[in-house]
Amino acid sequence: HLATDSIDPADSGNYSCIVGNESGDIQRVTYMVNVLENASISKGLQDQTVSLGATVQFTCEVHGNPT
């Protein structure tokens, strides 16, 4: 198990686990870890006033990985 208190995209990369025994047998496994970002809202919704029956559009900007 790989345990960490905090992780970010800079921690992406190859992680290896190497084990051995007294007989000299060694086994190695390497895993690629991709750290994804949580989505964040950089521009939220704003209140709008429209006439009855009119069309309204709400937009917001979000960032994250994957997009």
N, C-alpha and C. Protein backbone atom coordinates (compact mmCIF):
# COMPACT_ATOMS: atom_id res chain seq x y z
N HIS A 1 0.84 -1.19 0.00
CA HIS A 1 0.00 0.00 0.00
C HIS A 1 0.88 1.24 0.00
N LEU A 2 0.46 2.23 -0.76
CA LEU A 2 1.10 3.53 -0.75
C LEU A 2 0.19 4.46 0.02
N ALA A 3 0.68 5.00 1.12
CA ALA A 3 -0.13 5.90 1.95
C ALA A 3 0.55 7.24 2.03
N THR A 4 -0.25 8.30 1.96
CA THR A 4 0.28 9.65 2.07
C THR A 4 -0.77 10.55 2.71
N ASP A 5 -0.33 11.57 3.41
CA ASP A 5 -1.26 12.52 4.02
C ASP A 5 -1.74 13.56 3.02
N SER A 6 -0.93 13.83 2.03
CA SER A 6 -1.23 14.88 1.07
C SER A 6 -0.56 14.52 -0.25
N ILE A 7 -1.21 14.79 -1.36
CA ILE A 7 -0.64 14.47 -2.66
C ILE A 7 -1.12 15.50 -3.67
N ASP A 8 -0.28 15.81 -4.64
CA ASP A 8 -0.66 16.74 -5.70
C ASP A 8 -0.06 16.27 -7.02
N PRO A 9 -0.40 16.92 -8.13
CA PRO A 9 0.07 16.46 -9.44
C PRO A 9 1.59 16.32 -9.55
N ALA A 10 2.36 17.06 -8.78
CA ALA A 10 3.82 16.94 -8.83
C ALA A 10 4.28 15.57 -8.34
N ASP A 11 3.41 14.84 -7.63
CA ASP A 11 3.75 13.51 -7.13
C ASP A 11 3.50 12.41 -8.16
N SER A 12 3.02 12.77 -9.34
CA SER A 12 2.82 11.78 -10.40
C SER A 12 4.16 11.18 -10.81
N GLY A 13 4.16 9.90 -11.17
CA GLY A 13 5.39 9.27 -11.64
C GLY A 13 5.39 7.79 -11.35
N ASN A 14 6.56 7.17 -11.48
CA ASN A 14 6.71 5.74 -11.24
C ASN A 14 7.04 5.48 -9.77
N TYR A 15 6.35 4.51 -9.20
CA TYR A 15 6.60 4.07 -7.83
C TYR A 15 6.90 2.59 -7.87
N SER A 16 7.96 2.17 -7.18
CA SER A 16 8.38 0.76 -7.20
C SER A 16 8.28 0.16 -5.82
N CYS A 17 7.99 -1.13 -5.80
CA CYS A 17 7.99 -1.92 -4.58
C CYS A 17 8.99 -3.06 -4.82
N ILE A 18 10.00 -3.14 -3.97
CA ILE A 18 11.03 -4.16 -4.10
C ILE A 18 11.06 -4.99 -2.82
N VAL A 19 10.96 -6.31 -2.97
CA VAL A 19 11.00 -7.20 -1.81
C VAL A 19 12.03 -8.30 -2.05
N GLY A 20 12.61 -8.76 -0.96
CA GLY A 20 13.57 -9.85 -1.05
C GLY A 20 13.46 -10.76 0.16
N ASN A 21 14.12 -11.90 0.07
CA ASN A 21 14.13 -12.82 1.20
C ASN A 21 15.56 -13.26 1.49
N GLU A 22 15.74 -14.06 2.51
CA GLU A 22 17.08 -14.50 2.91
C GLU A 22 17.77 -15.35 1.85
N SER A 23 17.00 -15.97 0.96
CA SER A 23 17.58 -16.79 -0.12
C SER A 23 18.13 -15.94 -1.26
N GLY A 24 17.88 -14.65 -1.21
CA GLY A 24 18.37 -13.76 -2.26
C GLY A 24 17.38 -13.53 -3.38
N ASP A 25 16.19 -14.11 -3.28
CA ASP A 25 15.18 -13.87 -4.30
C ASP A 25 14.66 -12.44 -4.15
N ILE A 26 14.64 -11.72 -5.26
CA ILE A 26 14.17 -10.34 -5.26
C ILE A 26 13.08 -10.20 -6.30
N GLN A 27 12.01 -9.54 -5.92
CA GLN A 27 10.93 -9.24 -6.86
C GLN A 27 10.68 -7.74 -6.82
N ARG A 28 10.39 -7.21 -7.99
CA ARG A 28 10.16 -5.78 -8.13
C ARG A 28 8.93 -5.55 -8.98
N VAL A 29 8.09 -4.63 -8.55
CA VAL A 29 6.92 -4.22 -9.32
C VAL A 29 6.93 -2.69 -9.38
N THR A 30 6.70 -2.13 -10.56
CA THR A 30 6.66 -0.68 -10.73
C THR A 30 5.29 -0.28 -11.25
N TYR A 31 4.74 0.75 -10.64
CA TYR A 31 3.43 1.27 -11.04
C TYR A 31 3.57 2.74 -11.43
N MET A 32 2.81 3.14 -12.44
CA MET A 32 2.74 4.55 -12.82
C MET A 32 1.56 5.16 -12.08
N VAL A 33 1.81 6.23 -11.35
CA VAL A 33 0.76 6.92 -10.61
C VAL A 33 0.50 8.27 -11.27
N ASN A 34 -0.75 8.50 -11.66
CA ASN A 34 -1.17 9.79 -12.21
C ASN A 34 -2.05 10.46 -11.18
N VAL A 35 -1.64 11.61 -10.71
CA VAL A 35 -2.41 12.33 -9.70
C VAL A 35 -3.31 13.32 -10.42
N LEU A 36 -4.61 13.21 -10.19
CA LEU A 36 -5.58 14.09 -10.82
C LEU A 36 -6.00 15.17 -9.83
N GLU A 37 -6.35 16.32 -10.34
CA GLU A 37 -6.81 17.42 -9.51
C GLU A 37 -8.32 17.33 -9.30
N ASN A 38 -8.78 17.80 -8.16
CA ASN A 38 -10.21 17.96 -7.96
C ASN A 38 -10.69 19.13 -8.80
N ALA A 39 -11.91 19.07 -9.25
CA ALA A 39 -12.47 20.19 -10.00
C ALA A 39 -12.64 21.38 -9.07
N SER A 40 -12.39 22.56 -9.59
CA SER A 40 -12.61 23.77 -8.82
C SER A 40 -13.34 24.79 -9.68
N ILE A 41 -14.20 25.56 -9.06
CA ILE A 41 -14.97 26.58 -9.78
C ILE A 41 -14.25 27.90 -9.62
N SER A 42 -13.82 28.49 -10.76
CA SER A 42 -13.10 29.76 -10.69
C SER A 42 -14.04 30.95 -10.92
N LYS A 43 -15.17 30.71 -11.54
CA LYS A 43 -16.16 31.77 -11.73
C LYS A 43 -17.53 31.13 -11.57
N GLY A 44 -18.21 31.47 -10.51
CA GLY A 44 -19.49 30.85 -10.21
C GLY A 44 -20.66 31.50 -10.92
N LEU A 45 -21.85 30.98 -10.62
CA LEU A 45 -23.07 31.50 -11.22
C LEU A 45 -23.43 32.84 -10.61
N GLN A 46 -24.15 33.67 -11.39
CA GLN A 46 -24.62 34.96 -10.91
C GLN A 46 -26.13 35.04 -11.10
N ASP A 47 -26.80 35.69 -10.15
CA ASP A 47 -28.25 35.88 -10.26
C ASP A 47 -28.58 36.68 -11.51
N GLN A 48 -29.72 36.33 -12.13
CA GLN A 48 -30.17 37.04 -13.32
C GLN A 48 -31.66 37.31 -13.19
N THR A 49 -32.12 38.41 -13.76
CA THR A 49 -33.54 38.74 -13.81
C THR A 49 -33.96 38.71 -15.27
N VAL A 50 -35.01 37.93 -15.58
CA VAL A 50 -35.48 37.82 -16.96
C VAL A 50 -37.00 37.93 -16.99
N SER A 51 -37.51 38.25 -18.16
CA SER A 51 -38.96 38.33 -18.34
C SER A 51 -39.55 36.94 -18.40
N LEU A 52 -40.82 36.82 -18.02
CA LEU A 52 -41.53 35.55 -18.06
C LEU A 52 -41.49 34.98 -19.47
N GLY A 53 -41.09 33.72 -19.60
CA GLY A 53 -41.03 33.05 -20.89
C GLY A 53 -39.73 33.29 -21.66
N ALA A 54 -38.87 34.15 -21.16
CA ALA A 54 -37.61 34.44 -21.85
C ALA A 54 -36.60 33.32 -21.60
N THR A 55 -35.61 33.25 -22.43
CA THR A 55 -34.53 32.28 -22.28
C THR A 55 -33.43 32.89 -21.42
N VAL A 56 -32.88 32.09 -20.53
CA VAL A 56 -31.78 32.55 -19.69
C VAL A 56 -30.64 31.54 -19.79
N GLN A 57 -29.43 32.04 -19.70
CA GLN A 57 -28.26 31.15 -19.77
C GLN A 57 -27.37 31.43 -18.58
N PHE A 58 -26.97 30.37 -17.88
CA PHE A 58 -26.04 30.46 -16.77
C PHE A 58 -24.73 29.80 -17.19
N THR A 59 -23.63 30.44 -16.87
CA THR A 59 -22.33 29.85 -17.17
C THR A 59 -21.43 29.92 -15.94
N CYS A 60 -20.51 29.00 -15.90
CA CYS A 60 -19.49 29.02 -14.84
C CYS A 60 -18.21 28.48 -15.44
N GLU A 61 -17.09 28.81 -14.81
CA GLU A 61 -15.79 28.31 -15.27
C GLU A 61 -15.25 27.34 -14.23
N VAL A 62 -14.83 26.20 -14.71
CA VAL A 62 -14.25 25.18 -13.82
C VAL A 62 -12.91 24.73 -14.36
N HIS A 63 -12.07 24.26 -13.47
CA HIS A 63 -10.76 23.77 -13.84
C HIS A 63 -10.52 22.45 -13.13
N GLY A 64 -9.74 21.59 -13.73
CA GLY A 64 -9.39 20.32 -13.11
C GLY A 64 -8.65 19.44 -14.11
N ASN A 65 -8.22 18.30 -13.63
CA ASN A 65 -7.52 17.35 -14.48
C ASN A 65 -8.04 15.96 -14.12
N PRO A 66 -8.72 15.25 -15.02
CA PRO A 66 -8.92 15.60 -16.42
C PRO A 66 -9.95 16.72 -16.57
N THR A 67 -9.92 17.38 -17.74
CA THR A 67 -10.84 18.50 -17.98
C THR A 67 -12.26 18.01 -18.10
